[in-house]
PDB file of N, CA and C in Angstrom:
ATOM      1  N   MET A   1     -46.443 -48.766 -11.441  1.00  0.00           N
ATOM      2  CA  MET A   1     -46.621 -47.472 -11.644  1.00  0.00           C
ATOM      3  C   MET A   1     -47.210 -47.199 -12.935  1.00  0.00           C
ATOM      4  N   ALA A   2     -46.494 -47.805 -13.644  1.00  0.00           N
ATOM      5  CA  ALA A   2     -46.594 -47.502 -15.163  1.00  0.00           C
ATOM      6  C   ALA A   2     -47.217 -47.870 -15.683  1.00  0.00           C
ATOM      7  N   LYS A   3     -47.882 -49.071 -15.461  1.00  0.00           N
ATOM      8  CA  LYS A   3     -49.018 -49.866 -15.760  1.00  0.00           C
ATOM      9  C   LYS A   3     -50.446 -49.057 -15.520  1.00  0.00           C
ATOM     10  N   LYS A   4     -50.738 -48.630 -14.136  1.00  0.00           N
ATOM     11  CA  LYS A   4     -51.484 -47.921 -13.927  1.00  0.00           C
ATOM     12  C   LYS A   4     -51.860 -46.728 -14.902  1.00  0.00           C
ATOM     13  N   LYS A   5     -50.796 -46.232 -15.000  1.00  0.00           N
ATOM     14  CA  LYS A   5     -50.924 -44.634 -16.050  1.00  0.00           C
ATOM     15  C   LYS A   5     -51.582 -45.240 -17.519  1.00  0.00           C
ATOM     16  N   ALA A   6     -50.523 -46.420 -17.885  1.00  0.00           N
ATOM     17  CA  ALA A   6     -51.295 -46.726 -19.252  1.00  0.00           C
ATOM     18  C   ALA A   6     -52.592 -47.001 -19.357  1.00  0.00           C
ATOM     19  N   VAL A   7     -53.333 -47.784 -18.311  1.00  0.00           N
ATOM     20  CA  VAL A   7     -54.679 -47.652 -18.274  1.00  0.00           C
ATOM     21  C   VAL A   7     -55.271 -46.492 -18.295  1.00  0.00           C
ATOM     22  N   ALA A   8     -54.507 -45.103 -17.169  1.00  0.00           N
ATOM     23  CA  ALA A   8     -55.714 -44.262 -17.673  1.00  0.00           C
ATOM     24  C   ALA A   8     -55.326 -43.507 -18.611  1.00  0.00           C
ATOM     25  N   ASP A   9     -54.796 -44.026 -19.334  1.00  0.00           N
ATOM     26  CA  ASP A   9     -54.514 -42.362 -20.571  1.00  0.00           C
ATOM     27  C   ASP A   9     -55.423 -43.678 -21.452  1.00  0.00           C
ATOM     28  N   ALA A  10     -55.411 -44.866 -21.657  1.00  0.00           N
ATOM     29  CA  ALA A  10     -56.281 -45.210 -22.481  1.00  0.00           C
ATOM     30  C   ALA A  10     -57.977 -44.917 -22.583  1.00  0.00           C
ATOM     31  N   SER A  11     -58.077 -44.101 -21.369  1.00  0.00           N
ATOM     32  CA  SER A  11     -59.572 -43.805 -21.128  1.00  0.00           C
ATOM     33  C   SER A  11     -60.055 -42.777 -22.177  1.00  0.00           C
ATOM     34  N   ASP A  12     -60.982 -42.496 -22.346  1.00  0.00           N
ATOM     35  CA  ASP A  12     -61.322 -41.140 -23.122  1.00  0.00           C
ATOM     36  C   ASP A  12     -62.494 -40.292 -22.024  1.00  0.00           C
ATOM     37  N   LEU A  13     -62.664 -40.623 -20.861  1.00  0.00           N
ATOM     38  CA  LEU A  13     -63.335 -40.136 -19.843  1.00  0.00           C
ATOM     39  C   LEU A  13     -62.628 -38.560 -19.554  1.00  0.00           C
ATOM     40  N   PRO A  14     -63.686 -37.712 -18.987  1.00  0.00           N
ATOM     41  CA  PRO A  14     -63.288 -36.036 -18.799  1.00  0.00           C
ATOM     42  C   PRO A  14     -62.613 -36.211 -17.294  1.00  0.00           C
ATOM     43  N   LYS A  15     -61.790 -35.404 -17.325  1.00  0.00           N
ATOM     44  CA  LYS A  15     -61.364 -34.993 -15.668  1.00  0.00           C
ATOM     45  C   LYS A  15     -62.112 -35.169 -14.760  1.00  0.00           C
ATOM     46  N   LEU A  16     -62.483 -36.123 -13.777  1.00  0.00           N
ATOM     47  CA  LEU A  16     -63.291 -36.064 -12.852  1.00  0.00           C
ATOM     48  C   LEU A  16     -62.934 -35.958 -11.351  1.00  0.00           C
ATOM     49  N   ALA A  17     -63.511 -35.487 -10.274  1.00  0.00           N
ATOM     50  CA  ALA A  17     -63.310 -35.682  -8.981  1.00  0.00           C
ATOM     51  C   ALA A  17     -62.893 -37.276  -8.576  1.00  0.00           C
ATOM     52  N   ALA A  18     -62.177 -37.185  -7.580  1.00  0.00           N
ATOM     53  CA  ALA A  18     -61.545 -38.932  -7.367  1.00  0.00           C
ATOM     54  C   ALA A  18     -62.598 -39.395  -7.128  1.00  0.00           C
ATOM     55  N   PRO A  19     -64.406 -39.342  -6.316  1.00  0.00           N
ATOM     56  CA  PRO A  19     -65.183 -40.083  -5.633  1.00  0.00           C
ATOM     57  C   PRO A  19     -65.513 -40.891  -6.935  1.00  0.00           C
ATOM     58  N   ALA A  20     -65.973 -39.775  -8.179  1.00  0.00           N
ATOM     59  CA  ALA A  20     -66.433 -40.291  -9.267  1.00  0.00           C
ATOM     60  C   ALA A  20     -65.487 -40.872 -10.360  1.00  0.00           C
ATOM     61  N   ARG A  21     -64.026 -40.924 -10.112  1.00  0.00           N
ATOM     62  CA  ARG A  21     -63.442 -41.717 -10.663  1.00  0.00           C
ATOM     63  C   ARG A  21     -63.617 -43.385 -10.226  1.00  0.00           C
ATOM     64  N   ARG A  22     -63.700 -42.915  -8.902  1.00  0.00           N
ATOM     65  CA  ARG A  22     -63.657 -44.292  -8.071  1.00  0.00           C
ATOM     66  C   ARG A  22     -64.854 -45.043  -8.677  1.00  0.00           C
ATOM     67  N   ALA A  23     -65.769 -44.247  -8.476  1.00  0.00           N
ATOM     68  CA  ALA A  23     -67.305 -44.682  -8.856  1.00  0.00           C
ATOM     69  C   ALA A  23     -67.687 -45.451 -10.359  1.00  0.00           C
ATOM     70  N   LEU A  24     -66.880 -44.675 -10.981  1.00  0.00           N
ATOM     71  CA  LEU A  24     -67.019 -45.800 -12.262  1.00  0.00           C
ATOM     72  C   LEU A  24     -66.022 -46.449 -12.148  1.00  0.00           C
ATOM     73  N   ALA A  25     -64.859 -46.711 -11.887  1.00  0.00           N
ATOM     74  CA  ALA A  25     -63.891 -47.636 -11.997  1.00  0.00           C
ATOM     75  C   ALA A  25     -64.440 -49.017 -10.794  1.00  0.00           C
ATOM     76  N   GLY A  26     -65.525 -48.858 -10.186  1.00  0.00           N
ATOM     77  CA  GLY A  26     -65.870 -49.621  -9.177  1.00  0.00           C
ATOM     78  C   GLY A  26     -66.771 -50.373  -9.810  1.00  0.00           C
ATOM     79  N   ALA A  27     -67.429 -49.406 -10.915  1.00  0.00           N
ATOM     80  CA  ALA A  27     -68.911 -50.081 -11.698  1.00  0.00           C
ATOM     81  C   ALA A  27     -68.183 -50.755 -12.529  1.00  0.00           C
ATOM     82  N   GLY A  28     -66.588 -50.917 -13.027  1.00  0.00           N
ATOM     83  CA  GLY A  28     -66.209 -51.201 -14.556  1.00  0.00           C
ATOM     84  C   GLY A  28     -66.234 -50.411 -15.721  1.00  0.00           C
ATOM     85  N   LEU A  29     -66.713 -49.137 -15.438  1.00  0.00           N
ATOM     86  CA  LEU A  29     -66.956 -48.355 -16.707  1.00  0.00           C
ATOM     87  C   LEU A  29     -65.702 -47.461 -16.619  1.00  0.00           C
ATOM     88  N   ALA A  30     -65.127 -47.527 -17.928  1.00  0.00           N
ATOM     89  CA  ALA A  30     -63.601 -46.697 -17.985  1.00  0.00           C
ATOM     90  C   ALA A  30     -63.644 -46.264 -19.633  1.00  0.00           C
ATOM     91  N   SER A  31     -64.916 -46.253 -20.032  1.00  0.00           N
ATOM     92  CA  SER A  31     -64.551 -45.393 -21.592  1.00  0.00           C
ATOM     93  C   SER A  31     -66.298 -44.517 -21.702  1.00  0.00           C
ATOM     94  N   LEU A  32     -66.191 -43.981 -22.638  1.00  0.00           N
ATOM     95  CA  LEU A  32     -67.302 -42.867 -22.711  1.00  0.00           C
ATOM     96  C   LEU A  32     -68.493 -43.818 -23.463  1.00  0.00           C
ATOM     97  N   GLY A  33     -67.917 -44.915 -24.368  1.00  0.00           N
ATOM     98  CA  GLY A  33     -68.650 -45.784 -24.909  1.00  0.00           C
ATOM     99  C   GLY A  33     -69.596 -46.961 -23.970  1.00  0.00           C
ATOM    100  N   GLN A  34     -68.642 -47.111 -22.945  1.00  0.00           N
ATOM    101  CA  GLN A  34     -69.512 -48.119 -21.899  1.00  0.00           C
ATOM    102  C   GLN A  34     -70.551 -47.619 -21.443  1.00  0.00           C
ATOM    103  N   LEU A  35     -70.151 -45.998 -21.023  1.00  0.00           N
ATOM    104  CA  LEU A  35     -71.336 -45.133 -20.465  1.00  0.00           C
ATOM    105  C   LEU A  35     -72.885 -45.206 -21.356  1.00  0.00           C
ATOM    106  N   SER A  36     -72.132 -45.682 -22.405  1.00  0.00           N
ATOM    107  CA  SER A  36     -73.597 -45.285 -23.609  1.00  0.00           C
ATOM    108  C   SER A  36     -74.448 -46.295 -23.674  1.00  0.00           C
ATOM    109  N   ARG A  37     -74.088 -47.484 -22.908  1.00  0.00           N
ATOM    110  CA  ARG A  37     -74.880 -48.521 -22.849  1.00  0.00           C
ATOM    111  C   ARG A  37     -75.708 -48.764 -21.646  1.00  0.00           C
ATOM    112  N   ILE A  38     -75.603 -47.557 -20.813  1.00  0.00           N
ATOM    113  CA  ILE A  38     -76.244 -47.726 -19.564  1.00  0.00           C
ATOM    114  C   ILE A  38     -76.812 -46.413 -19.510  1.00  0.00           C
ATOM    115  N   THR A  39     -77.994 -46.305 -18.388  1.00  0.00           N
ATOM    116  CA  THR A  39     -78.812 -44.743 -18.256  1.00  0.00           C
ATOM    117  C   THR A  39     -78.506 -44.082 -17.618  1.00  0.00           C
ATOM    118  N   GLU A  40     -78.678 -42.776 -17.597  1.00  0.00           N
ATOM    119  CA  GLU A  40     -78.062 -41.716 -17.004  1.00  0.00           C
ATOM    120  C   GLU A  40     -78.379 -41.995 -15.269  1.00  0.00           C
ATOM    121  N   ALA A  41     -79.683 -42.258 -15.382  1.00  0.00           N
ATOM    122  CA  ALA A  41     -80.002 -42.774 -13.641  1.00  0.00           C
ATOM    123  C   ALA A  41     -79.275 -43.496 -13.144  1.00  0.00           C
ATOM    124  N   GLU A  42     -78.906 -44.841 -13.905  1.00  0.00           N
ATOM    125  CA  GLU A  42     -77.955 -45.589 -13.710  1.00  0.00           C
ATOM    126  C   GLU A  42     -76.561 -45.010 -12.893  1.00  0.00           C
ATOM    127  N   VAL A  43     -76.351 -44.367 -13.911  1.00  0.00           N
ATOM    128  CA  VAL A  43     -74.829 -43.913 -13.198  1.00  0.00           C
ATOM    129  C   VAL A  43     -74.859 -42.773 -12.276  1.00  0.00           C
ATOM    130  N   ALA A  44     -76.122 -41.818 -12.235  1.00  0.00           N
ATOM    131  CA  ALA A  44     -76.235 -40.721 -11.149  1.00  0.00           C
ATOM    132  C   ALA A  44     -76.431 -41.690  -9.753  1.00  0.00           C
ATOM    133  N   ALA A  45     -76.933 -43.038  -9.883  1.00  0.00           N
ATOM    134  CA  ALA A  45     -77.278 -43.641  -8.852  1.00  0.00           C
ATOM    135  C   ALA A  45     -75.650 -44.269  -8.143  1.00  0.00           C
ATOM    136  N   LEU A  46     -74.769 -44.419  -8.918  1.00  0.00           N
ATOM    137  CA  LEU A  46     -73.625 -44.565  -8.119  1.00  0.00           C
ATOM    138  C   LEU A  46     -72.968 -44.014  -7.128  1.00  0.00           C
ATOM    139  N   HIS A  47     -72.362 -44.212  -5.604  1.00  0.00           N
ATOM    140  CA  HIS A  47     -72.012 -44.001  -4.816  1.00  0.00           C
ATOM    141  C   HIS A  47     -70.765 -42.873  -4.851  1.00  0.00           C
ATOM    142  N   GLY A  48     -70.765 -41.626  -5.121  1.00  0.00           N
ATOM    143  CA  GLY A  48     -69.628 -40.988  -5.467  1.00  0.00           C
ATOM    144  C   GLY A  48     -69.997 -39.988  -6.679  1.00  0.00           C
ATOM    145  N   MET A  49     -70.817 -40.111  -7.740  1.00  0.00           N
ATOM    146  CA  MET A  49     -71.181 -39.402  -8.711  1.00  0.00           C
ATOM    147  C   MET A  49     -72.249 -38.249  -8.387  1.00  0.00           C
ATOM    148  N   GLY A  50     -71.637 -37.449  -8.341  1.00  0.00           N
ATOM    149  CA  GLY A  50     -72.268 -36.259  -8.160  1.00  0.00           C
ATOM    150  C   GLY A  50     -72.694 -35.198  -9.557  1.00  0.00           C
ATOM    151  N   PRO A  51     -73.354 -34.334  -9.068  1.00  0.00           N
ATOM    152  CA  PRO A  51     -74.134 -33.620 -10.521  1.00  0.00           C
ATOM    153  C   PRO A  51     -72.836 -33.042 -11.115  1.00  0.00           C
ATOM    154  N   ASN A  52     -71.663 -32.223 -10.870  1.00  0.00           N
ATOM    155  CA  ASN A  52     -70.827 -31.899 -11.815  1.00  0.00           C
ATOM    156  C   ASN A  52     -70.202 -33.084 -12.481  1.00  0.00           C
ATOM    157  N   ALA A  53     -69.959 -34.066 -11.609  1.00  0.00           N
ATOM    158  CA  ALA A  53     -69.506 -35.065 -12.649  1.00  0.00           C
ATOM    159  C   ALA A  53     -70.245 -35.602 -13.507  1.00  0.00           C
ATOM    160  N   LEU A  54     -71.607 -35.601 -13.533  1.00  0.00           N
ATOM    161  CA  LEU A  54     -72.624 -36.320 -14.338  1.00  0.00           C
ATOM    162  C   LEU A  54     -72.312 -35.374 -15.817  1.00  0.00           C
ATOM    163  N   ALA A  55     -72.550 -33.898 -15.345  1.00  0.00           N
ATOM    164  CA  ALA A  55     -72.716 -33.126 -16.405  1.00  0.00           C
ATOM    165  C   ALA A  55     -71.403 -32.995 -16.931  1.00  0.00           C
ATOM    166  N   SER A  56     -70.367 -33.442 -16.744  1.00  0.00           N
ATOM    167  CA  SER A  56     -69.188 -33.155 -17.282  1.00  0.00           C
ATOM    168  C   SER A  56     -68.937 -34.546 -18.376  1.00  0.00           C
ATOM    169  N   LEU A  57     -69.645 -35.306 -17.805  1.00  0.00           N
ATOM    170  CA  LEU A  57     -69.963 -36.920 -18.480  1.00  0.00           C
ATOM    171  C   LEU A  57     -70.478 -36.978 -19.622  1.00  0.00           C
ATOM    172  N   LYS A  58     -72.087 -36.137 -19.003  1.00  0.00           N
ATOM    173  CA  LYS A  58     -72.888 -35.629 -20.540  1.00  0.00           C
ATOM    174  C   LYS A  58     -72.186 -34.785 -21.543  1.00  0.00           C
ATOM    175  N   THR A  59     -71.420 -33.862 -21.147  1.00  0.00           N
ATOM    176  CA  THR A  59     -70.826 -32.937 -22.150  1.00  0.00           C
ATOM    177  C   THR A  59     -69.639 -33.611 -22.998  1.00  0.00           C
ATOM    178  N   ALA A  60     -68.979 -34.310 -22.432  1.00  0.00           N
ATOM    179  CA  ALA A  60     -67.837 -35.261 -23.257  1.00  0.00           C
ATOM    180  C   ALA A  60     -68.912 -36.610 -24.228  1.00  0.00           C
ATOM    181  N   MET A  61     -69.532 -36.852 -23.456  1.00  0.00           N
ATOM    182  CA  MET A  61     -70.589 -38.028 -24.429  1.00  0.00           C
ATOM    183  C   MET A  61     -70.838 -37.253 -26.002  1.00  0.00           C
ATOM    184  N   LYS A  62     -71.431 -36.191 -25.484  1.00  0.00           N
ATOM    185  CA  LYS A  62     -71.921 -35.188 -26.757  1.00  0.00           C
ATOM    186  C   LYS A  62     -71.127 -34.534 -27.699  1.00  0.00           C
ATOM    187  N   ALA A  63     -69.995 -34.327 -26.991  1.00  0.00           N
ATOM    188  CA  ALA A  63     -69.328 -34.068 -28.027  1.00  0.00           C
ATOM    189  C   ALA A  63     -68.669 -35.068 -28.935  1.00  0.00           C
ATOM    190  N   ARG A  64     -68.715 -36.389 -28.240  1.00  0.00           N
ATOM    191  CA  ARG A  64     -68.375 -37.784 -29.139  1.00  0.00           C
ATOM    192  C   ARG A  64     -69.184 -38.141 -29.990  1.00  0.00           C
ATOM    193  N   GLY A  65     -70.893 -37.668 -29.805  1.00  0.00           N
ATOM    194  CA  GLY A  65     -71.550 -37.901 -30.450  1.00  0.00           C
ATOM    195  C   GLY A  65     -72.448 -39.365 -29.983  1.00  0.00           C
ATOM    196  N   LEU A  66     -72.450 -39.117 -28.719  1.00  0.00           N
ATOM    197  CA  LEU A  66     -72.528 -40.379 -27.604  1.00  0.00           C
ATOM    198  C   LEU A  66     -73.652 -39.709 -26.786  1.00  0.00           C
ATOM    199  N   ALA A  67     -74.816 -40.515 -26.140  1.00  0.00           N
ATOM    200  CA  ALA A  67     -75.484 -40.498 -24.993  1.00  0.00           C
ATOM    201  C   ALA A  67     -75.713 -41.371 -24.345  1.00  0.00           C
ATOM    202  N   PHE A  68     -76.379 -41.459 -23.184  1.00  0.00           N
ATOM    203  CA  PHE A  68     -76.738 -42.194 -21.944  1.00  0.00           C
ATOM    204  C   PHE A  68     -77.671 -43.269 -23.010  1.00  0.00           C
ATOM    205  N   ARG A  69     -78.289 -44.439 -22.377  1.00  0.00           N
ATOM    206  CA  ARG A  69     -79.320 -45.175 -22.966  1.00  0.00           C
ATOM    207  C   ARG A  69     -80.579 -44.428 -22.536  1.00  0.00           C
ATOM    208  N   PRO A  70     -81.475 -44.794 -23.298  1.00  0.00           N
ATOM    209  CA  PRO A  70     -82.679 -44.271 -22.868  1.00  0.00           C
ATOM    210  C   PRO A  70     -83.390 -44.873 -21.734  1.00  0.00           C
ATOM    211  N   SER A  71     -84.212 -44.314 -21.240  1.00  0.00           N
ATOM    212  CA  SER A  71     -84.446 -44.815 -19.742  1.00  0.00           C
ATOM    213  C   SER A  71     -85.892 -45.675 -20.583  1.00  0.00           C
ATOM    214  N   ARG A  72     -86.359 -46.752 -19.772  1.00  0.00           N
ATOM    215  CA  ARG A  72     -87.290 -47.053 -20.553  1.00  0.00           C
ATOM    216  C   ARG A  72     -88.753 -46.726 -19.989  1.00  0.00           C
TER     217      ARG A  72
END
């Protein structure tokens, strides 16, 4: 159990609902830096990622000077 907590503490992701957290974990996304390498549409397409979670991610990324990769 302590190992899981250490991994969760290392993340800079904002507090999200469980389905959104599972969606990001399932996609191997554990930090805002990793999210900045993909498009907003790719994140929005993850099963479990809702509009509130997406808005929270965008706000947290903006606060750290990050943004989703631009769409082509």
